[in-house]
Amino acid sequence: LFWTAAVIGALLPFPVALLALVWRPAEAVAPLLTPGLVLL
């Protein structure tokens, strides 16, 4: 469970970042989907 969630969580920032560049609502939701970016 840990490794599955970790891999999904590690791959999630790439499409979220690309989507946030072109779609305003995705930019608002990005901090919720990528908490690692907020922590860093």
PDB file of all heavy atoms in Angstrom:
ATOM      1  N   LEU A   1       0.831  -1.203   0.000  1.00  0.00           N
ATOM      2  CA  LEU A   1       0.000   0.000   0.000  1.00  0.00           C
ATOM      3  C   LEU A   1       0.865   1.253   0.000  1.00  0.00           C
ATOM      4  O   LEU A   1       0.626   2.203  -0.752  1.00  0.00           O
ATOM      5  CB  LEU A   1      -0.929  -0.001   1.210  1.00  0.00           C
ATOM      6  CG  LEU A   1      -1.797   1.242   1.394  1.00  0.00           C
ATOM      7  CD1 LEU A   1      -2.826   1.337   0.286  1.00  0.00           C
ATOM      8  CD2 LEU A   1      -2.471   1.217   2.744  1.00  0.00           C
ATOM      9  N   PHE A   2       1.901   1.268   0.853  1.00  0.00           N
ATOM     10  CA  PHE A   2       2.786   2.431   0.934  1.00  0.00           C
ATOM     11  C   PHE A   2       3.466   2.689  -0.409  1.00  0.00           C
ATOM     12  O   PHE A   2       3.470   3.823  -0.905  1.00  0.00           O
ATOM     13  CB  PHE A   2       3.846   2.224   2.024  1.00  0.00           C
ATOM     14  CG  PHE A   2       4.878   3.312   2.058  1.00  0.00           C
ATOM     15  CD1 PHE A   2       4.600   4.511   2.690  1.00  0.00           C
ATOM     16  CD2 PHE A   2       6.101   3.160   1.432  1.00  0.00           C
ATOM     17  CE1 PHE A   2       5.532   5.528   2.707  1.00  0.00           C
ATOM     18  CE2 PHE A   2       7.040   4.165   1.447  1.00  0.00           C
ATOM     19  CZ  PHE A   2       6.759   5.357   2.088  1.00  0.00           C
ATOM     20  N   TRP A   3       4.052   1.654  -1.001  1.00  0.00           N
ATOM     21  CA  TRP A   3       4.799   1.859  -2.248  1.00  0.00           C
ATOM     22  C   TRP A   3       3.880   2.214  -3.410  1.00  0.00           C
ATOM     23  O   TRP A   3       4.250   3.012  -4.274  1.00  0.00           O
ATOM     24  CB  TRP A   3       5.661   0.649  -2.572  1.00  0.00           C
ATOM     25  CG  TRP A   3       6.848   0.590  -1.686  1.00  0.00           C
ATOM     26  CD1 TRP A   3       7.121  -0.329  -0.723  1.00  0.00           C
ATOM     27  CD2 TRP A   3       7.928   1.529  -1.642  1.00  0.00           C
ATOM     28  NE1 TRP A   3       8.295  -0.014  -0.087  1.00  0.00           N
ATOM     29  CE2 TRP A   3       8.814   1.108  -0.626  1.00  0.00           C
ATOM     30  CE3 TRP A   3       8.232   2.685  -2.350  1.00  0.00           C
ATOM     31  CZ2 TRP A   3       9.979   1.805  -0.328  1.00  0.00           C
ATOM     32  CZ3 TRP A   3       9.394   3.371  -2.042  1.00  0.00           C
ATOM     33  CH2 TRP A   3      10.249   2.934  -1.043  1.00  0.00           C
ATOM     34  N   THR A   4       2.681   1.641  -3.446  1.00  0.00           N
ATOM     35  CA  THR A   4       1.743   2.003  -4.507  1.00  0.00           C
ATOM     36  C   THR A   4       1.348   3.472  -4.391  1.00  0.00           C
ATOM     37  O   THR A   4       1.367   4.211  -5.382  1.00  0.00           O
ATOM     38  CB  THR A   4       0.483   1.117  -4.438  1.00  0.00           C
ATOM     39  OG1 THR A   4       0.884  -0.252  -4.547  1.00  0.00           O
ATOM     40  CG2 THR A   4      -0.487   1.451  -5.532  1.00  0.00           C
ATOM     41  N   ALA A   5       1.000   3.893  -3.187  1.00  0.00           N
ATOM     42  CA  ALA A   5       0.633   5.300  -2.981  1.00  0.00           C
ATOM     43  C   ALA A   5       1.822   6.218  -3.230  1.00  0.00           C
ATOM     44  O   ALA A   5       1.658   7.319  -3.775  1.00  0.00           O
ATOM     45  CB  ALA A   5       0.085   5.496  -1.573  1.00  0.00           C
ATOM     46  N   ALA A   6       3.024   5.790  -2.852  1.00  0.00           N
ATOM     47  CA  ALA A   6       4.209   6.621  -3.050  1.00  0.00           C
ATOM     48  C   ALA A   6       4.505   6.823  -4.531  1.00  0.00           C
ATOM     49  O   ALA A   6       4.854   7.932  -4.958  1.00  0.00           O
ATOM     50  CB  ALA A   6       5.412   5.998  -2.339  1.00  0.00           C
ATOM     51  N   VAL A   7       4.366   5.767  -5.323  1.00  0.00           N
ATOM     52  CA  VAL A   7       4.622   5.899  -6.767  1.00  0.00           C
ATOM     53  C   VAL A   7       3.571   6.791  -7.420  1.00  0.00           C
ATOM     54  O   VAL A   7       3.898   7.673  -8.218  1.00  0.00           O
ATOM     55  CB  VAL A   7       4.662   4.504  -7.433  1.00  0.00           C
ATOM     56  CG1 VAL A   7       4.626   4.609  -8.945  1.00  0.00           C
ATOM     57  CG2 VAL A   7       5.903   3.750  -6.985  1.00  0.00           C
ATOM     58  N   ILE A   8       2.311   6.589  -7.053  1.00  0.00           N
ATOM     59  CA  ILE A   8       1.252   7.445  -7.610  1.00  0.00           C
ATOM     60  C   ILE A   8       1.474   8.899  -7.184  1.00  0.00           C
ATOM     61  O   ILE A   8       1.364   9.819  -7.991  1.00  0.00           O
ATOM     62  CB  ILE A   8      -0.131   6.941  -7.174  1.00  0.00           C
ATOM     63  CG1 ILE A   8      -0.425   5.600  -7.844  1.00  0.00           C
ATOM     64  CG2 ILE A   8      -1.213   7.961  -7.506  1.00  0.00           C
ATOM     65  CD1 ILE A   8      -1.651   4.905  -7.318  1.00  0.00           C
ATOM     66  N   GLY A   9       1.810   9.095  -5.907  1.00  0.00           N
ATOM     67  CA  GLY A   9       2.061  10.453  -5.421  1.00  0.00           C
ATOM     68  C   GLY A   9       3.270  11.094  -6.071  1.00  0.00           C
ATOM     69  O   GLY A   9       3.304  12.302  -6.297  1.00  0.00           O
ATOM     70  N   ALA A  10       4.289  10.291  -6.382  1.00  0.00           N
ATOM     71  CA  ALA A  10       5.489  10.837  -7.021  1.00  0.00           C
ATOM     72  C   ALA A  10       5.246  11.187  -8.485  1.00  0.00           C
ATOM     73  O   ALA A  10       5.859  12.116  -9.011  1.00  0.00           O
ATOM     74  CB  ALA A  10       6.637   9.839  -6.910  1.00  0.00           C
ATOM     75  N   LEU A  11       4.361  10.458  -9.141  1.00  0.00           N
ATOM     76  CA  LEU A  11       4.087  10.739 -10.552  1.00  0.00           C
ATOM     77  C   LEU A  11       3.040  11.834 -10.743  1.00  0.00           C
ATOM     78  O   LEU A  11       2.943  12.416 -11.821  1.00  0.00           O
ATOM     79  CB  LEU A  11       3.628   9.458 -11.257  1.00  0.00           C
ATOM     80  CG  LEU A  11       4.671   8.359 -11.360  1.00  0.00           C
ATOM     81  CD1 LEU A  11       4.069   7.122 -12.011  1.00  0.00           C
ATOM     82  CD2 LEU A  11       5.897   8.826 -12.126  1.00  0.00           C
ATOM     83  N   LEU A  12       2.273  12.121  -9.721  1.00  0.00           N
ATOM     84  CA  LEU A  12       1.188  13.089  -9.824  1.00  0.00           C
ATOM     85  C   LEU A  12       1.635  14.526 -10.120  1.00  0.00           C
ATOM     86  O   LEU A  12       0.946  15.235 -10.863  1.00  0.00           O
ATOM     87  CB  LEU A  12       0.343  13.055  -8.546  1.00  0.00           C
ATOM     88  CG  LEU A  12      -0.999  13.742  -8.585  1.00  0.00           C
ATOM     89  CD1 LEU A  12      -1.883  13.117  -9.657  1.00  0.00           C
ATOM     90  CD2 LEU A  12      -1.670  13.643  -7.239  1.00  0.00           C
ATOM     91  N   PRO A  13       2.765  15.016  -9.590  1.00  0.00           N
ATOM     92  CA  PRO A  13       3.122  16.420  -9.864  1.00  0.00           C
ATOM     93  C   PRO A  13       3.346  16.750 -11.330  1.00  0.00           C
ATOM     94  O   PRO A  13       3.118  17.886 -11.745  1.00  0.00           O
ATOM     95  CB  PRO A  13       4.420  16.632  -9.079  1.00  0.00           C
ATOM     96  CG  PRO A  13       4.354  15.638  -7.994  1.00  0.00           C
ATOM     97  CD  PRO A  13       3.646  14.453  -8.571  1.00  0.00           C
ATOM     98  N   PHE A  14       3.749  15.794 -12.144  1.00  0.00           N
ATOM     99  CA  PHE A  14       4.040  16.093 -13.544  1.00  0.00           C
ATOM    100  C   PHE A  14       2.779  16.478 -14.320  1.00  0.00           C
ATOM    101  O   PHE A  14       2.737  17.571 -14.904  1.00  0.00           O
ATOM    102  CB  PHE A  14       4.766  14.918 -14.204  1.00  0.00           C
ATOM    103  CG  PHE A  14       6.112  14.650 -13.587  1.00  0.00           C
ATOM    104  CD1 PHE A  14       6.306  13.537 -12.782  1.00  0.00           C
ATOM    105  CD2 PHE A  14       7.166  15.515 -13.783  1.00  0.00           C
ATOM    106  CE1 PHE A  14       7.530  13.297 -12.197  1.00  0.00           C
ATOM    107  CE2 PHE A  14       8.402  15.285 -13.200  1.00  0.00           C
ATOM    108  CZ  PHE A  14       8.588  14.175 -12.408  1.00  0.00           C
ATOM    109  N   PRO A  15       1.723  15.657 -14.346  1.00  0.00           N
ATOM    110  CA  PRO A  15       0.520  16.109 -15.072  1.00  0.00           C
ATOM    111  C   PRO A  15      -0.175  17.288 -14.407  1.00  0.00           C
ATOM    112  O   PRO A  15      -0.759  18.126 -15.100  1.00  0.00           O
ATOM    113  CB  PRO A  15      -0.383  14.869 -15.094  1.00  0.00           C
ATOM    114  CG  PRO A  15       0.122  13.974 -14.044  1.00  0.00           C
ATOM    115  CD  PRO A  15       1.574  14.291 -13.875  1.00  0.00           C
ATOM    116  N   VAL A  16      -0.109  17.377 -13.080  1.00  0.00           N
ATOM    117  CA  VAL A  16      -0.738  18.506 -12.393  1.00  0.00           C
ATOM    118  C   VAL A  16      -0.045  19.806 -12.778  1.00  0.00           C
ATOM    119  O   VAL A  16      -0.698  20.821 -13.047  1.00  0.00           O
ATOM    120  CB  VAL A  16      -0.715  18.296 -10.863  1.00  0.00           C
ATOM    121  CG1 VAL A  16      -1.108  19.562 -10.129  1.00  0.00           C
ATOM    122  CG2 VAL A  16      -1.643  17.157 -10.476  1.00  0.00           C
ATOM    123  N   ALA A  17       1.277  19.792 -12.828  1.00  0.00           N
ATOM    124  CA  ALA A  17       2.019  21.000 -13.205  1.00  0.00           C
ATOM    125  C   ALA A  17       1.725  21.403 -14.649  1.00  0.00           C
ATOM    126  O   ALA A  17       1.531  22.592 -14.941  1.00  0.00           O
ATOM    127  CB  ALA A  17       3.513  20.777 -13.019  1.00  0.00           C
ATOM    128  N   LEU A  18       1.658  20.435 -15.539  1.00  0.00           N
ATOM    129  CA  LEU A  18       1.363  20.757 -16.940  1.00  0.00           C
ATOM    130  C   LEU A  18      -0.063  21.268 -17.101  1.00  0.00           C
ATOM    131  O   LEU A  18      -0.311  22.214 -17.856  1.00  0.00           O
ATOM    132  CB  LEU A  18       1.586  19.521 -17.820  1.00  0.00           C
ATOM    133  CG  LEU A  18       3.034  19.085 -17.971  1.00  0.00           C
ATOM    134  CD1 LEU A  18       3.117  17.797 -18.781  1.00  0.00           C
ATOM    135  CD2 LEU A  18       3.865  20.168 -18.627  1.00  0.00           C
ATOM    136  N   LEU A  19      -0.996  20.657 -16.387  1.00  0.00           N
ATOM    137  CA  LEU A  19      -2.384  21.097 -16.468  1.00  0.00           C
ATOM    138  C   LEU A  19      -2.561  22.483 -15.849  1.00  0.00           C
ATOM    139  O   LEU A  19      -3.351  23.300 -16.337  1.00  0.00           O
ATOM    140  CB  LEU A  19      -3.280  20.081 -15.765  1.00  0.00           C
ATOM    141  CG  LEU A  19      -4.760  20.126 -16.070  1.00  0.00           C
ATOM    142  CD1 LEU A  19      -5.013  19.974 -17.561  1.00  0.00           C
ATOM    143  CD2 LEU A  19      -5.475  19.037 -15.314  1.00  0.00           C
ATOM    144  N   ALA A  20      -1.816  22.759 -14.776  1.00  0.00           N
ATOM    145  CA  ALA A  20      -1.920  24.071 -14.119  1.00  0.00           C
ATOM    146  C   ALA A  20      -1.405  25.200 -15.008  1.00  0.00           C
ATOM    147  O   ALA A  20      -1.791  26.353 -14.819  1.00  0.00           O
ATOM    148  CB  ALA A  20      -1.157  24.048 -12.800  1.00  0.00           C
ATOM    149  N   LEU A  21      -0.552  24.865 -15.957  1.00  0.00           N
ATOM    150  CA  LEU A  21      -0.050  25.895 -16.871  1.00  0.00           C
ATOM    151  C   LEU A  21      -1.107  26.375 -17.853  1.00  0.00           C
ATOM    152  O   LEU A  21      -1.053  27.514 -18.323  1.00  0.00           O
ATOM    153  CB  LEU A  21       1.160  25.367 -17.648  1.00  0.00           C
ATOM    154  CG  LEU A  21       2.432  25.146 -16.848  1.00  0.00           C
ATOM    155  CD1 LEU A  21       3.482  24.474 -17.720  1.00  0.00           C
ATOM    156  CD2 LEU A  21       2.956  26.456 -16.304  1.00  0.00           C
ATOM    157  N   VAL A  22      -2.068  25.518 -18.172  1.00  0.00           N
ATOM    158  CA  VAL A  22      -3.031  25.866 -19.221  1.00  0.00           C
ATOM    159  C   VAL A  22      -4.459  26.027 -18.726  1.00  0.00           C
ATOM    160  O   VAL A  22      -5.311  26.506 -19.471  1.00  0.00           O
ATOM    161  CB  VAL A  22      -3.009  24.805 -20.350  1.00  0.00           C
ATOM    162  CG1 VAL A  22      -1.669  24.796 -21.051  1.00  0.00           C
ATOM    163  CG2 VAL A  22      -3.361  23.434 -19.827  1.00  0.00           C
ATOM    164  N   TRP A  23      -4.737  25.635 -17.482  1.00  0.00           N
ATOM    165  CA  TRP A  23      -6.122  25.662 -16.998  1.00  0.00           C
ATOM    166  C   TRP A  23      -6.163  26.297 -15.624  1.00  0.00           C
ATOM    167  O   TRP A  23      -5.524  25.818 -14.684  1.00  0.00           O
ATOM    168  CB  TRP A  23      -6.657  24.230 -16.968  1.00  0.00           C
ATOM    169  CG  TRP A  23      -8.130  24.094 -16.848  1.00  0.00           C
ATOM    170  CD1 TRP A  23      -9.087  24.855 -17.436  1.00  0.00           C
ATOM    171  CD2 TRP A  23      -8.822  23.103 -16.087  1.00  0.00           C
ATOM    172  NE1 TRP A  23     -10.326  24.399 -17.094  1.00  0.00           N
ATOM    173  CE2 TRP A  23     -10.191  23.323 -16.275  1.00  0.00           C
ATOM    174  CE3 TRP A  23      -8.413  22.063 -15.285  1.00  0.00           C
ATOM    175  CZ2 TRP A  23     -11.150  22.534 -15.660  1.00  0.00           C
ATOM    176  CZ3 TRP A  23      -9.365  21.277 -14.684  1.00  0.00           C
ATOM    177  CH2 TRP A  23     -10.723  21.507 -14.884  1.00  0.00           C
ATOM    178  N   ARG A  24      -6.890  27.395 -15.478  1.00  0.00           N
ATOM    179  CA  ARG A  24      -6.921  28.164 -14.243  1.00  0.00           C
ATOM    180  C   ARG A  24      -7.419  27.352 -13.027  1.00  0.00           C
ATOM    181  O   ARG A  24      -6.816  27.425 -11.968  1.00  0.00           O
ATOM    182  CB  ARG A  24      -7.768  29.419 -14.453  1.00  0.00           C
ATOM    183  CG  ARG A  24      -7.972  30.248 -13.242  1.00  0.00           C
ATOM    184  CD  ARG A  24      -6.837  31.160 -12.868  1.00  0.00           C
ATOM    185  NE  ARG A  24      -6.818  32.385 -13.622  1.00  0.00           N
ATOM    186  CZ  ARG A  24      -5.697  33.040 -13.840  1.00  0.00           C
ATOM    187  NH1 ARG A  24      -4.571  32.596 -13.362  1.00  0.00           N
ATOM    188  NH2 ARG A  24      -5.693  34.148 -14.512  1.00  0.00           N
ATOM    189  N   PRO A  25      -8.494  26.546 -13.120  1.00  0.00           N
ATOM    190  CA  PRO A  25      -8.923  25.761 -11.947  1.00  0.00           C
ATOM    191  C   PRO A  25      -7.871  24.746 -11.481  1.00  0.00           C
ATOM    192  O   PRO A  25      -7.755  24.476 -10.293  1.00  0.00           O
ATOM    193  CB  PRO A  25     -10.190  25.047 -12.419  1.00  0.00           C
ATOM    194  CG  PRO A  25     -10.717  25.906 -13.509  1.00  0.00           C
ATOM    195  CD  PRO A  25      -9.502  26.484 -14.187  1.00  0.00           C
ATOM    196  N   ALA A  26      -7.119  24.201 -12.396  1.00  0.00           N
ATOM    197  CA  ALA A  26      -6.067  23.250 -12.012  1.00  0.00           C
ATOM    198  C   ALA A  26      -4.977  23.952 -11.210  1.00  0.00           C
ATOM    199  O   ALA A  26      -4.372  23.355 -10.318  1.00  0.00           O
ATOM    200  CB  ALA A  26      -5.471  22.590 -13.248  1.00  0.00           C
ATOM    201  N   GLU A  27      -4.735  25.216 -11.511  1.00  0.00           N
ATOM    202  CA  GLU A  27      -3.749  25.987 -10.752  1.00  0.00           C
ATOM    203  C   GLU A  27      -4.209  26.184  -9.310  1.00  0.00           C
ATOM    204  O   GLU A  27      -3.405  26.168  -8.378  1.00  0.00           O
ATOM    205  CB  GLU A  27      -3.538  27.339 -11.432  1.00  0.00           C
ATOM    206  CG  GLU A  27      -2.460  28.171 -10.810  1.00  0.00           C
ATOM    207  CD  GLU A  27      -2.272  29.496 -11.532  1.00  0.00           C
ATOM    208  OE1 GLU A  27      -2.917  29.729 -12.562  1.00  0.00           O
ATOM    209  OE2 GLU A  27      -1.467  30.305 -11.037  1.00  0.00           O
ATOM    210  N   ALA A  28      -5.509  26.331  -9.112  1.00  0.00           N
ATOM    211  CA  ALA A  28      -6.043  26.510  -7.763  1.00  0.00           C
ATOM    212  C   ALA A  28      -6.035  25.204  -6.971  1.00  0.00           C
ATOM    213  O   ALA A  28      -5.866  25.215  -5.751  1.00  0.00           O
ATOM    214  CB  ALA A  28      -7.466  27.060  -7.840  1.00  0.00           C
ATOM    215  N   VAL A  29      -6.204  24.074  -7.644  1.00  0.00           N
ATOM    216  CA  VAL A  29      -6.290  22.772  -6.975  1.00  0.00           C
ATOM    217  C   VAL A  29      -4.908  22.129  -6.809  1.00  0.00           C
ATOM    218  O   VAL A  29      -4.742  21.215  -6.009  1.00  0.00           O
ATOM    219  CB  VAL A  29      -7.236  21.844  -7.773  1.00  0.00           C
ATOM    220  CG1 VAL A  29      -7.324  20.466  -7.172  1.00  0.00           C
ATOM    221  CG2 VAL A  29      -8.616  22.453  -7.845  1.00  0.00           C
ATOM    222  N   ALA A  30      -3.925  22.616  -7.521  1.00  0.00           N
ATOM    223  CA  ALA A  30      -2.592  22.002  -7.504  1.00  0.00           C
ATOM    224  C   ALA A  30      -1.996  21.843  -6.104  1.00  0.00           C
ATOM    225  O   ALA A  30      -1.426  20.789  -5.808  1.00  0.00           O
ATOM    226  CB  ALA A  30      -1.644  22.786  -8.404  1.00  0.00           C
ATOM    227  N   PRO A  31      -2.097  22.820  -5.191  1.00  0.00           N
ATOM    228  CA  PRO A  31      -1.523  22.600  -3.857  1.00  0.00           C
ATOM    229  C   PRO A  31      -2.182  21.457  -3.082  1.00  0.00           C
ATOM    230  O   PRO A  31      -1.540  20.826  -2.257  1.00  0.00           O
ATOM    231  CB  PRO A  31      -1.755  23.930  -3.144  1.00  0.00           C
ATOM    232  CG  PRO A  31      -1.886  24.936  -4.223  1.00  0.00           C
ATOM    233  CD  PRO A  31      -2.524  24.208  -5.362  1.00  0.00           C
ATOM    234  N   LEU A  32      -3.448  21.175  -3.370  1.00  0.00           N
ATOM    235  CA  LEU A  32      -4.112  20.059  -2.702  1.00  0.00           C
ATOM    236  C   LEU A  32      -3.644  18.713  -3.239  1.00  0.00           C
ATOM    237  O   LEU A  32      -3.583  17.729  -2.517  1.00  0.00           O
ATOM    238  CB  LEU A  32      -5.634  20.177  -2.859  1.00  0.00           C
ATOM    239  CG  LEU A  32      -6.274  21.408  -2.234  1.00  0.00           C
ATOM    240  CD1 LEU A  32      -7.745  21.480  -2.607  1.00  0.00           C
ATOM    241  CD2 LEU A  32      -6.102  21.390  -0.734  1.00  0.00           C
ATOM    242  N   LEU A  33      -3.333  18.669  -4.529  1.00  0.00           N
ATOM    243  CA  LEU A  33      -2.906  17.415  -5.150  1.00  0.00           C
ATOM    244  C   LEU A  33      -1.418  17.146  -4.984  1.00  0.00           C
ATOM    245  O   LEU A  33      -0.975  16.018  -5.149  1.00  0.00           O
ATOM    246  CB  LEU A  33      -3.265  17.429  -6.638  1.00  0.00           C
ATOM    247  CG  LEU A  33      -4.753  17.485  -6.960  1.00  0.00           C
ATOM    248  CD1 LEU A  33      -4.961  17.632  -8.450  1.00  0.00           C
ATOM    249  CD2 LEU A  33      -5.450  16.245  -6.441  1.00  0.00           C
ATOM    250  N   THR A  34      -0.652  18.174  -4.693  1.00  0.00           N
ATOM    251  CA  THR A  34       0.796  18.007  -4.552  1.00  0.00           C
ATOM    252  C   THR A  34       1.272  18.631  -3.245  1.00  0.00           C
ATOM    253  O   THR A  34       1.904  19.687  -3.244  1.00  0.00           O
ATOM    254  CB  THR A  34       1.523  18.656  -5.747  1.00  0.00           C
ATOM    255  OG1 THR A  34       1.118  20.016  -5.828  1.00  0.00           O
ATOM    256  CG2 THR A  34       1.226  17.955  -7.044  1.00  0.00           C
ATOM    257  N   PRO A  35       0.986  17.976  -2.109  1.00  0.00           N
ATOM    258  CA  PRO A  35       1.401  18.557  -0.820  1.00  0.00           C
ATOM    259  C   PRO A  35       2.917  18.611  -0.659  1.00  0.00           C
ATOM    260  O   PRO A  35       3.417  19.423   0.110  1.00  0.00           O
ATOM    261  CB  PRO A  35       0.764  17.633   0.210  1.00  0.00           C
ATOM    262  CG  PRO A  35       0.539  16.355  -0.507  1.00  0.00           C
ATOM    263  CD  PRO A  35       0.288  16.715  -1.932  1.00  0.00           C
ATOM    264  N   GLY A  36       3.650  17.794  -1.378  1.00  0.00           N
ATOM    265  CA  GLY A  36       5.109  17.841  -1.301  1.00  0.00           C
ATOM    266  C   GLY A  36       5.661  19.170  -1.770  1.00  0.00           C
ATOM    267  O   GLY A  36       6.644  19.684  -1.224  1.00  0.00           O
ATOM    268  N   LEU A  37       5.027  19.755  -2.781  1.00  0.00           N
ATOM    269  CA  LEU A  37       5.473  21.061  -3.272  1.00  0.00           C
ATOM    270  C   LEU A  37       5.246  22.153  -2.233  1.00  0.00           C
ATOM    271  O   LEU A  37       6.063  23.057  -2.075  1.00  0.00           O
ATOM    272  CB  LEU A  37       4.730  21.414  -4.565  1.00  0.00           C
ATOM    273  CG  LEU A  37       4.984  20.515  -5.767  1.00  0.00           C
ATOM    274  CD1 LEU A  37       4.050  20.873  -6.905  1.00  0.00           C
ATOM    275  CD2 LEU A  37       6.421  20.623  -6.203  1.00  0.00           C
ATOM    276  N   VAL A  38       4.133  22.045  -1.522  1.00  0.00           N
ATOM    277  CA  VAL A  38       3.826  23.040  -0.484  1.00  0.00           C
ATOM    278  C   VAL A  38       4.824  22.911   0.667  1.00  0.00           C
ATOM    279  O   VAL A  38       5.279  23.919   1.224  1.00  0.00           O
ATOM    280  CB  VAL A  38       2.372  22.853   0.016  1.00  0.00           C
ATOM    281  CG1 VAL A  38       2.068  23.806   1.150  1.00  0.00           C
ATOM    282  CG2 VAL A  38       1.398  23.057  -1.132  1.00  0.00           C
ATOM    283  N   LEU A  39       5.189  21.675   1.019  1.00  0.00           N
ATOM    284  CA  LEU A  39       6.139  21.468   2.110  1.00  0.00           C
ATOM    285  C   LEU A  39       7.537  21.964   1.761  1.00  0.00           C
ATOM    286  O   LEU A  39       8.289  22.377   2.638  1.00  0.00           O
ATOM    287  CB  LEU A  39       6.206  19.981   2.473  1.00  0.00           C
ATOM    288  CG  LEU A  39       4.940  19.393   3.103  1.00  0.00           C
ATOM    289  CD1 LEU A  39       5.099  17.896   3.278  1.00  0.00           C
ATOM    290  CD2 LEU A  39       4.656  20.056   4.430  1.00  0.00           C
ATOM    291  N   LEU A  40       7.879  21.927   0.483  1.00  0.00           N
ATOM    292  CA  LEU A  40       9.211  22.376   0.050  1.00  0.00           C
ATOM    293  C   LEU A  40       9.266  23.865  -0.285  1.00  0.00           C
ATOM    294  O   LEU A  40      10.331  24.376  -0.628  1.00  0.00           O
ATOM    295  CB  LEU A  40       9.666  21.557  -1.158  1.00  0.00           C
ATOM    296  CG  LEU A  40       9.928  20.077  -0.888  1.00  0.00           C
ATOM    297  CD1 LEU A  40      10.268  19.374  -2.185  1.00  0.00           C
ATOM    298  CD2 LEU A  40      11.041  19.907   0.123  1.00  0.00           C
TER     299      LEU A  40
END
